Structures are given as C-alpha cells and as structure tokens.
Amino acid sequence: MFFIKRTKLLKNQEAPIYLRITVDGGRVETAIKRSINPDHWNDQKEMANTLADHGNDLNQYLNQIRYQIYQHQKELIDNDIPITAEALKNAYLNINKEQTRSILQVYQEHNEDLKLMIDKGISPNTYSRHFTSRNHLERYIQDAYKKKDYPLRDINHGFIVKYETYLRTKRNCCNNTTVKYLKNVGKIIRFFGIDPRQSQSPKKVFIIGVYASVVHIKWIHPMGRTLVNALAVASIS
C-alpha cells in the first residue's frame, strides 16, 4: 500500500510518499522518492486526487511500482525463494539482487550478448553451441528438479554431478561432448556468480572449471580465502 507522512513535511510543504509491504504479518516501509501536497492525497484510495497537479502522472508511477512488486513476487516464486516483506523490498530497491538470480536467466543474457557479436569476434558456431548448451541445461533442471529455473546461489557439487549423469545417460552425450557442456556451464557460473567481495556469508560463490574429465570446485570466502578446493574426476565412457 501507499501512504504519506503528514507529520514529516518537506521544505516545500509536501508530504513524502511511502510504500508499505506486508507479508504474513511482517511489514516494511520505504520511501519512493515522490511527494505530494497533503490536501491532494486520498488516503482511502492510496493515490493522488486526479484533479491535483500532476495527479495522473503520479498515479501512473504508483501503478508501475505495484506492477514491479508483482513481478518481483513472481520471480521469487519461480526461484523457490521464500516470499517475505523484506525480500520484496530488497528486490524493489535492487538490494542483493545477485543472490536471487538464476542460472537459465543469466545464461540467456549471455547468449543474447553472443548473438549481438556474431561476425564481430564471435562465430555463429560459438553462439549455436551455447544455445544448445542452455537448452540441455533447461531440460535437465525440468527433469531433475521439476523447476523452470534454478537459483545461482544454490548450485553446488551435487547439481553438477547430476547434470553430468543426465548428459551421459538421458542425452547420450559422449565423454568429450559432456565435458564441453560442463565447461559451458562453468563459464556462466564464473561470469555471473556472486562477487565474493560483495557477499555477506561464505560459500556464496561457486566456480567450476573443467579440464578434460576433471571438474574443479571452489567455494570462496567473502574475503577471498578459499574454503573448499576439490577435484571431482568424471568417469570416462
């Protein structure tokens, strides 16, 4: 909901407008960087009077925020992230957004960038390879987890091992092809993984590099210290 703080008028005597988000009894508030003459605000309708100066423009802006909150809620649901008032506020304010990003989402962004660079340093075959790689990853997530996407922050060694098994058994990929697809996923995780310098807790960054049939896993502490450094040797068909 939207409301104004009539007791905290600005220097121009307008009242700041606030957004209040309530989920299961939890409540947060944040200013939306807009203000209005208190006499021009309708408390019941949570909007400006349409006859007020710029009232229609302000109401349109409020509707945009409502739509953004709805989209953020949908994104949290799609990524199996608990919906709380704080999570919705952070999403609206673009706080900790990297922690809510998903692997297929960022892979799509990567591929769209590649497509723009075809014949400008990127070959059509490179784009085609990553296009196919993302499709395999999408089918794997649907098959193994019954989800449309998978949060980056939840990717771990088990996710990669199961993906390798999926490629070898259900996609009938040979060893070299399997390694290439694992390497492609590793590139996406390295490029779009959460920055350890920005992370507030350990094990937020998962980096995978594939060398022949070896998967290299590292979890990195926010200060840059490696917490886990392991090799998982893939079976060779």
C-alpha atoms as a PDB file:
ATOM      1  CA  MET A   1       0.000   0.000   0.000  1.00  0.00           C
ATOM      2  CA  PHE A   2       0.976   3.656  -0.390  1.00  0.00           C
ATOM      3  CA  PHE A   3       0.664   6.337   2.252  1.00  0.00           C
ATOM      4  CA  ILE A   4       2.063   9.766   3.075  1.00  0.00           C
ATOM      5  CA  LYS A   5       3.742  11.016   6.240  1.00  0.00           C
ATOM      6  CA  ARG A   6       1.803  14.142   7.074  1.00  0.00           C
ATOM      7  CA  THR A   7       3.926  14.838  10.170  1.00  0.00           C
ATOM      8  CA  LYS A   8       7.200  14.898   8.217  1.00  0.00           C
ATOM      9  CA  LEU A   9       6.630  17.559   5.601  1.00  0.00           C
ATOM     10  CA  LEU A  10       9.459  18.528   3.296  1.00  0.00           C
ATOM     11  CA  LYS A  11      10.751  22.079   2.869  1.00  0.00           C
ATOM     12  CA  ASN A  12       8.256  22.630   0.061  1.00  0.00           C
ATOM     13  CA  GLN A  13       5.466  21.597   2.492  1.00  0.00           C
ATOM     14  CA  GLU A  14       4.764  18.424   0.553  1.00  0.00           C
ATOM     15  CA  ALA A  15       4.463  15.068   2.298  1.00  0.00           C
ATOM     16  CA  PRO A  16       6.778  12.208   1.257  1.00  0.00           C
ATOM     17  CA  ILE A  17       5.071   9.144  -0.189  1.00  0.00           C
ATOM     18  CA  TYR A  18       5.945   5.729   1.224  1.00  0.00           C
ATOM     19  CA  LEU A  19       5.452   2.167   0.073  1.00  0.00           C
ATOM     20  CA  ARG A  20       4.422  -0.360   2.723  1.00  0.00           C
ATOM     21  CA  ILE A  21       4.760  -4.090   2.042  1.00  0.00           C
ATOM     22  CA  THR A  22       3.088  -6.609   4.343  1.00  0.00           C
ATOM     23  CA  VAL A  23       3.572 -10.389   4.106  1.00  0.00           C
ATOM     24  CA  ASP A  24       2.301 -12.821   6.765  1.00  0.00           C
ATOM     25  CA  GLY A  25       2.404 -10.194   9.472  1.00  0.00           C
ATOM     26  CA  GLY A  26       5.852  -8.917   8.503  1.00  0.00           C
ATOM     27  CA  ARG A  27       5.903  -5.273   7.453  1.00  0.00           C
ATOM     28  CA  VAL A  28       8.480  -2.973   5.892  1.00  0.00           C
ATOM     29  CA  GLU A  29       8.328   0.583   4.587  1.00  0.00           C
ATOM     30  CA  THR A  30      10.418   2.546   2.130  1.00  0.00           C
ATOM     31  CA  ALA A  31      10.199   5.987   0.564  1.00  0.00           C
ATOM     32  CA  ILE A  32       9.534   6.085  -3.172  1.00  0.00           C
ATOM     33  CA  LYS A  33      11.205   9.488  -3.682  1.00  0.00           C
ATOM     34  CA  ARG A  34       7.965  11.225  -4.549  1.00  0.00           C
ATOM     35  CA  SER A  35       5.962  13.778  -2.575  1.00  0.00           C
ATOM     36  CA  ILE A  36       2.607  15.499  -2.778  1.00  0.00           C
ATOM     37  CA  ASN A  37       0.584  18.274  -1.197  1.00  0.00           C
ATOM     38  CA  PRO A  38      -1.214  16.502   1.694  1.00  0.00           C
ATOM     39  CA  ASP A  39      -4.510  18.059   0.624  1.00  0.00           C
ATOM     40  CA  HIS A  40      -4.202  16.338  -2.745  1.00  0.00           C
ATOM     41  CA  TRP A  41      -3.749  12.806  -1.357  1.00  0.00           C
ATOM     42  CA  ASN A  42      -6.589  10.297  -0.993  1.00  0.00           C
ATOM     43  CA  ASP A  43      -5.809   8.013   1.972  1.00  0.00           C
ATOM     44  CA  GLN A  44      -8.557   5.508   1.206  1.00  0.00           C
ATOM     45  CA  LYS A  45      -7.630   5.026  -2.443  1.00  0.00           C
ATOM     46  CA  GLU A  46      -3.868   5.281  -1.723  1.00  0.00           C
ATOM     47  CA  MET A  47      -3.412   7.649  -4.633  1.00  0.00           C
ATOM     48  CA  ALA A  48      -3.398  11.286  -5.642  1.00  0.00           C
ATOM     49  CA  ASN A  49      -6.595  13.127  -6.418  1.00  0.00           C
ATOM     50  CA  THR A  50      -6.927  13.091 -10.169  1.00  0.00           C
ATOM     51  CA  LEU A  51      -7.688  16.824 -10.233  1.00  0.00           C
ATOM     52  CA  ALA A  52      -4.402  17.641  -8.457  1.00  0.00           C
ATOM     53  CA  ASP A  53      -1.445  18.998 -10.403  1.00  0.00           C
ATOM     54  CA  HIS A  54       0.375  16.045 -11.983  1.00  0.00           C
ATOM     55  CA  GLY A  55      -2.035  13.713 -10.157  1.00  0.00           C
ATOM     56  CA  ASN A  56      -2.492  11.394 -13.123  1.00  0.00           C
ATOM     57  CA  ASP A  57       1.256  11.163 -13.719  1.00  0.00           C
ATOM     58  CA  LEU A  58       1.867  10.306 -10.065  1.00  0.00           C
ATOM     59  CA  ASN A  59      -0.847   7.657 -10.059  1.00  0.00           C
ATOM     60  CA  GLN A  60       0.634   6.098 -13.161  1.00  0.00           C
ATOM     61  CA  TYR A  61       4.002   5.937 -11.394  1.00  0.00           C
ATOM     62  CA  LEU A  62       2.367   4.255  -8.381  1.00  0.00           C
ATOM     63  CA  ASN A  63       0.788   1.670 -10.671  1.00  0.00           C
ATOM     64  CA  GLN A  64       4.200   0.956 -12.156  1.00  0.00           C
ATOM     65  CA  ILE A  65       5.554   0.247  -8.688  1.00  0.00           C
ATOM     66  CA  ARG A  66       2.636  -2.085  -7.978  1.00  0.00           C
ATOM     67  CA  TYR A  67       3.438  -3.984 -11.159  1.00  0.00           C
ATOM     68  CA  GLN A  68       7.138  -4.162 -10.224  1.00  0.00           C
ATOM     69  CA  ILE A  69       6.276  -5.633  -6.821  1.00  0.00           C
ATOM     70  CA  TYR A  70       4.082  -8.225  -8.528  1.00  0.00           C
ATOM     71  CA  GLN A  71       6.902  -9.140 -10.927  1.00  0.00           C
ATOM     72  CA  HIS A  72       9.404  -9.427  -8.074  1.00  0.00           C
ATOM     73  CA  GLN A  73       6.995 -11.693  -6.224  1.00  0.00           C
ATOM     74  CA  LYS A  74       6.669 -13.903  -9.298  1.00  0.00           C
ATOM     75  CA  GLU A  75      10.462 -14.043  -9.665  1.00  0.00           C
ATOM     76  CA  LEU A  76      10.874 -15.142  -6.048  1.00  0.00           C
ATOM     77  CA  ILE A  77       8.260 -17.861  -6.554  1.00  0.00           C
ATOM     78  CA  ASP A  78       9.897 -19.090  -9.768  1.00  0.00           C
ATOM     79  CA  ASN A  79      13.255 -19.306  -7.978  1.00  0.00           C
ATOM     80  CA  ASP A  80      11.795 -21.037  -4.905  1.00  0.00           C
ATOM     81  CA  ILE A  81      12.888 -18.173  -2.664  1.00  0.00           C
ATOM     82  CA  PRO A  82      10.731 -17.539   0.426  1.00  0.00           C
ATOM     83  CA  ILE A  83       8.479 -14.518  -0.045  1.00  0.00           C
ATOM     84  CA  THR A  84       8.884 -12.036   2.784  1.00  0.00           C
ATOM     85  CA  ALA A  85       8.230  -8.331   3.058  1.00  0.00           C
ATOM     86  CA  GLU A  86      11.978  -7.724   3.349  1.00  0.00           C
ATOM     87  CA  ALA A  87      12.741  -9.838   0.255  1.00  0.00           C
ATOM     88  CA  LEU A  88      10.213  -7.906  -1.826  1.00  0.00           C
ATOM     89  CA  LYS A  89      11.552  -4.582  -0.592  1.00  0.00           C
ATOM     90  CA  ASN A  90      15.129  -5.611  -1.382  1.00  0.00           C
ATOM     91  CA  ALA A  91      14.097  -6.740  -4.852  1.00  0.00           C
ATOM     92  CA  TYR A  92      12.322  -3.430  -5.469  1.00  0.00           C
ATOM     93  CA  LEU A  93      15.361  -1.472  -4.254  1.00  0.00           C
ATOM     94  CA  ASN A  94      17.742  -3.746  -6.197  1.00  0.00           C
ATOM     95  CA  ILE A  95      19.470  -4.880  -2.991  1.00  0.00           C
ATOM     96  CA  ASN A  96      21.150  -8.316  -3.063  1.00  0.00           C
ATOM     97  CA  LYS A  97      19.625  -8.903  -6.466  1.00  0.00           C
ATOM     98  CA  GLU A  98      22.558 -11.097  -7.494  1.00  0.00           C
ATOM     99  CA  GLN A  99      21.578 -13.583  -4.815  1.00  0.00           C
ATOM    100  CA  THR A 100      18.165 -14.091  -6.450  1.00  0.00           C
ATOM    101  CA  ARG A 101      19.436 -14.573  -9.987  1.00  0.00           C
ATOM    102  CA  SER A 102      19.042 -17.928 -11.676  1.00  0.00           C
ATOM    103  CA  ILE A 103      21.274 -19.958 -13.964  1.00  0.00           C
ATOM    104  CA  LEU A 104      18.969 -20.043 -17.001  1.00  0.00           C
ATOM    105  CA  GLN A 105      18.249 -16.334 -16.659  1.00  0.00           C
ATOM    106  CA  VAL A 106      21.909 -15.364 -16.766  1.00  0.00           C
ATOM    107  CA  TYR A 107      22.675 -17.959 -19.455  1.00  0.00           C
ATOM    108  CA  GLN A 108      20.006 -16.324 -21.612  1.00  0.00           C
ATOM    109  CA  GLU A 109      21.611 -12.914 -21.043  1.00  0.00           C
ATOM    110  CA  HIS A 110      24.975 -14.397 -22.012  1.00  0.00           C
ATOM    111  CA  ASN A 111      23.564 -15.879 -25.221  1.00  0.00           C
ATOM    112  CA  GLU A 112      21.813 -12.661 -26.184  1.00  0.00           C
ATOM    113  CA  ASP A 113      25.150 -10.845 -25.877  1.00  0.00           C
ATOM    114  CA  LEU A 114      26.832 -13.518 -28.012  1.00  0.00           C
ATOM    115  CA  LYS A 115      24.170 -13.165 -30.697  1.00  0.00           C
ATOM    116  CA  LEU A 116      24.885  -9.446 -30.978  1.00  0.00           C
ATOM    117  CA  MET A 117      28.580 -10.201 -31.524  1.00  0.00           C
ATOM    118  CA  ILE A 118      28.197 -12.782 -34.296  1.00  0.00           C
ATOM    119  CA  ASP A 119      30.772 -11.969 -37.024  1.00  0.00           C
ATOM    120  CA  LYS A 120      32.175  -9.307 -34.699  1.00  0.00           C
ATOM    121  CA  GLY A 121      34.618 -11.557 -32.908  1.00  0.00           C
ATOM    122  CA  ILE A 122      32.145 -14.372 -32.187  1.00  0.00           C
ATOM    123  CA  SER A 123      31.467 -17.130 -34.705  1.00  0.00           C
ATOM    124  CA  PRO A 124      27.968 -18.457 -35.441  1.00  0.00           C
ATOM    125  CA  ASN A 125      29.144 -21.870 -34.223  1.00  0.00           C
ATOM    126  CA  THR A 126      30.032 -20.453 -30.806  1.00  0.00           C
ATOM    127  CA  TYR A 127      26.571 -18.960 -30.427  1.00  0.00           C
ATOM    128  CA  SER A 128      24.933 -22.168 -31.647  1.00  0.00           C
ATOM    129  CA  ARG A 129      26.956 -24.230 -29.176  1.00  0.00           C
ATOM    130  CA  HIS A 130      25.859 -22.125 -26.219  1.00  0.00           C
ATOM    131  CA  PHE A 131      22.262 -22.036 -27.477  1.00  0.00           C
ATOM    132  CA  THR A 132      22.210 -25.843 -27.466  1.00  0.00           C
ATOM    133  CA  SER A 133      24.023 -25.959 -24.134  1.00  0.00           C
ATOM    134  CA  ARG A 134      21.394 -23.782 -22.472  1.00  0.00           C
ATOM    135  CA  ASN A 135      18.612 -25.959 -23.897  1.00  0.00           C
ATOM    136  CA  HIS A 136      20.243 -29.056 -22.385  1.00  0.00           C
ATOM    137  CA  LEU A 137      20.568 -27.300 -19.040  1.00  0.00           C
ATOM    138  CA  GLU A 138      16.925 -26.208 -19.126  1.00  0.00           C
ATOM    139  CA  ARG A 139      15.726 -29.757 -19.834  1.00  0.00           C
ATOM    140  CA  TYR A 140      17.965 -31.088 -17.050  1.00  0.00           C
ATOM    141  CA  ILE A 141      16.523 -28.656 -14.474  1.00  0.00           C
ATOM    142  CA  GLN A 142      12.979 -29.543 -15.527  1.00  0.00           C
ATOM    143  CA  ASP A 143      13.740 -33.267 -15.424  1.00  0.00           C
ATOM    144  CA  ALA A 144      15.775 -33.400 -12.200  1.00  0.00           C
ATOM    145  CA  TYR A 145      14.190 -30.636 -10.114  1.00  0.00           C
ATOM    146  CA  LYS A 146      10.777 -30.089 -11.724  1.00  0.00           C
ATOM    147  CA  LYS A 147      11.525 -26.367 -11.888  1.00  0.00           C
ATOM    148  CA  LYS A 148      11.562 -23.756 -14.628  1.00  0.00           C
ATOM    149  CA  ASP A 149      14.906 -22.393 -13.424  1.00  0.00           C
ATOM    150  CA  TYR A 150      17.459 -22.844 -10.637  1.00  0.00           C
ATOM    151  CA  PRO A 151      18.947 -20.188  -8.311  1.00  0.00           C
ATOM    152  CA  LEU A 152      22.637 -19.484  -8.841  1.00  0.00           C
ATOM    153  CA  ARG A 153      23.196 -19.339  -5.099  1.00  0.00           C
ATOM    154  CA  ASP A 154      22.026 -22.963  -4.725  1.00  0.00           C
ATOM    155  CA  ILE A 155      24.311 -24.508  -7.347  1.00  0.00           C
ATOM    156  CA  ASN A 156      26.713 -26.952  -5.710  1.00  0.00           C
ATOM    157  CA  HIS A 157      28.767 -30.032  -6.469  1.00  0.00           C
ATOM    158  CA  GLY A 158      25.704 -32.273  -6.455  1.00  0.00           C
ATOM    159  CA  PHE A 159      23.990 -30.139  -9.095  1.00  0.00           C
ATOM    160  CA  ILE A 160      26.984 -30.519 -11.434  1.00  0.00           C
ATOM    161  CA  VAL A 161      27.401 -34.260 -10.835  1.00  0.00           C
ATOM    162  CA  LYS A 162      23.724 -34.884 -11.558  1.00  0.00           C
ATOM    163  CA  TYR A 163      23.982 -32.758 -14.693  1.00  0.00           C
ATOM    164  CA  GLU A 164      26.913 -34.855 -15.902  1.00  0.00           C
ATOM    165  CA  THR A 165      24.912 -38.021 -15.316  1.00  0.00           C
ATOM    166  CA  TYR A 166      21.954 -36.532 -17.183  1.00  0.00           C
ATOM    167  CA  LEU A 167      24.101 -35.633 -20.192  1.00  0.00           C
ATOM    168  CA  ARG A 168      25.691 -39.082 -20.369  1.00  0.00           C
ATOM    169  CA  THR A 169      22.549 -41.150 -19.792  1.00  0.00           C
ATOM    170  CA  LYS A 170      19.494 -39.231 -20.977  1.00  0.00           C
ATOM    171  CA  ARG A 171      21.165 -37.146 -23.712  1.00  0.00           C
ATOM    172  CA  ASN A 172      23.590 -39.932 -24.682  1.00  0.00           C
ATOM    173  CA  CYS A 173      26.490 -37.491 -24.922  1.00  0.00           C
ATOM    174  CA  CYS A 174      29.973 -38.909 -25.383  1.00  0.00           C
ATOM    175  CA  ASN A 175      32.748 -38.010 -22.940  1.00  0.00           C
ATOM    176  CA  ASN A 176      34.152 -35.084 -24.942  1.00  0.00           C
ATOM    177  CA  THR A 177      30.710 -33.597 -25.558  1.00  0.00           C
ATOM    178  CA  THR A 178      29.775 -33.964 -21.898  1.00  0.00           C
ATOM    179  CA  VAL A 179      32.936 -32.159 -20.839  1.00  0.00           C
ATOM    180  CA  LYS A 180      32.218 -29.326 -23.294  1.00  0.00           C
ATOM    181  CA  TYR A 181      28.720 -28.804 -21.895  1.00  0.00           C
ATOM    182  CA  LEU A 182      30.043 -28.835 -18.330  1.00  0.00           C
ATOM    183  CA  LYS A 183      32.674 -26.307 -19.358  1.00  0.00           C
ATOM    184  CA  ASN A 184      29.986 -24.066 -20.874  1.00  0.00           C
ATOM    185  CA  VAL A 185      28.012 -24.079 -17.627  1.00  0.00           C
ATOM    186  CA  GLY A 186      31.222 -23.363 -15.737  1.00  0.00           C
ATOM    187  CA  LYS A 187      31.796 -20.269 -17.845  1.00  0.00           C
ATOM    188  CA  ILE A 188      28.355 -18.940 -16.990  1.00  0.00           C
ATOM    189  CA  ILE A 189      28.835 -19.547 -13.274  1.00  0.00           C
ATOM    190  CA  ARG A 190      32.254 -17.875 -13.301  1.00  0.00           C
ATOM    191  CA  PHE A 191      30.999 -14.841 -15.204  1.00  0.00           C
ATOM    192  CA  PHE A 192      27.751 -14.370 -13.313  1.00  0.00           C
ATOM    193  CA  GLY A 193      28.430 -15.880  -9.883  1.00  0.00           C
ATOM    194  CA  ILE A 194      28.048 -13.660  -6.828  1.00  0.00           C
ATOM    195  CA  ASP A 195      31.093 -11.463  -6.267  1.00  0.00           C
ATOM    196  CA  PRO A 196      32.859 -12.704  -3.107  1.00  0.00           C
ATOM    197  CA  ARG A 197      33.801  -9.129  -2.227  1.00  0.00           C
ATOM    198  CA  GLN A 198      30.113  -8.261  -2.074  1.00  0.00           C
ATOM    199  CA  SER A 199      28.896 -11.433  -0.381  1.00  0.00           C
ATOM    200  CA  GLN A 200      28.000 -11.312   3.303  1.00  0.00           C
ATOM    201  CA  SER A 201      28.396 -15.017   4.056  1.00  0.00           C
ATOM    202  CA  PRO A 202      30.728 -17.831   2.994  1.00  0.00           C
ATOM    203  CA  LYS A 203      30.039 -20.359   0.255  1.00  0.00           C
ATOM    204  CA  LYS A 204      28.243 -17.803  -1.905  1.00  0.00           C
ATOM    205  CA  VAL A 205      30.499 -18.225  -4.898  1.00  0.00           C
ATOM    206  CA  PHE A 206      30.733 -21.472  -6.810  1.00  0.00           C
ATOM    207  CA  ILE A 207      33.361 -21.651  -9.518  1.00  0.00           C
ATOM    208  CA  ILE A 208      33.725 -24.605 -11.790  1.00  0.00           C
ATOM    209  CA  GLY A 209      36.419 -25.203 -14.357  1.00  0.00           C
ATOM    210  CA  VAL A 210      36.573 -28.323 -16.466  1.00  0.00           C
ATOM    211  CA  TYR A 211      39.857 -29.773 -17.626  1.00  0.00           C
ATOM    212  CA  ALA A 212      39.387 -32.907 -19.724  1.00  0.00           C
ATOM    213  CA  SER A 213      37.305 -35.121 -17.433  1.00  0.00           C
ATOM    214  CA  VAL A 214      38.102 -33.237 -14.215  1.00  0.00           C
ATOM    215  CA  VAL A 215      35.636 -30.895 -12.526  1.00  0.00           C
ATOM    216  CA  HIS A 216      37.307 -28.283 -10.288  1.00  0.00           C
ATOM    217  CA  ILE A 217      35.172 -26.886  -7.491  1.00  0.00           C
ATOM    218  CA  LYS A 218      35.971 -23.933  -5.235  1.00  0.00           C
ATOM    219  CA  TRP A 219      33.931 -22.172  -2.564  1.00  0.00           C
ATOM    220  CA  ILE A 220      35.341 -18.763  -1.726  1.00  0.00           C
ATOM    221  CA  HIS A 221      35.068 -16.776   1.485  1.00  0.00           C
ATOM    222  CA  PRO A 222      33.921 -13.125   1.191  1.00  0.00           C
ATOM    223  CA  MET A 223      37.465 -12.011   1.994  1.00  0.00           C
ATOM    224  CA  GLY A 224      38.829 -14.097  -0.855  1.00  0.00           C
ATOM    225  CA  ARG A 225      40.138 -17.076   1.144  1.00  0.00           C
ATOM    226  CA  THR A 226      39.375 -20.464  -0.414  1.00  0.00           C
ATOM    227  CA  LEU A 227      37.246 -22.575   1.900  1.00  0.00           C
ATOM    228  CA  VAL A 228      36.964 -25.665  -0.280  1.00  0.00           C
ATOM    229  CA  ASN A 229      39.176 -26.632  -3.181  1.00  0.00           C
ATOM    230  CA  ALA A 230      38.402 -30.066  -4.598  1.00  0.00           C
ATOM    231  CA  LEU A 231      38.609 -32.118  -7.734  1.00  0.00           C
ATOM    232  CA  ALA A 232      35.892 -34.493  -8.849  1.00  0.00           C
ATOM    233  CA  VAL A 233      37.026 -36.868 -11.580  1.00  0.00           C
ATOM    234  CA  ALA A 234      34.303 -37.668 -14.055  1.00  0.00           C
ATOM    235  CA  SER A 235      34.002 -41.196 -15.382  1.00  0.00           C
ATOM    236  CA  ILE A 236      35.251 -41.701 -18.917  1.00  0.00           C
ATOM    237  CA  SER A 237      32.931 -43.525 -21.259  1.00  0.00           C
END
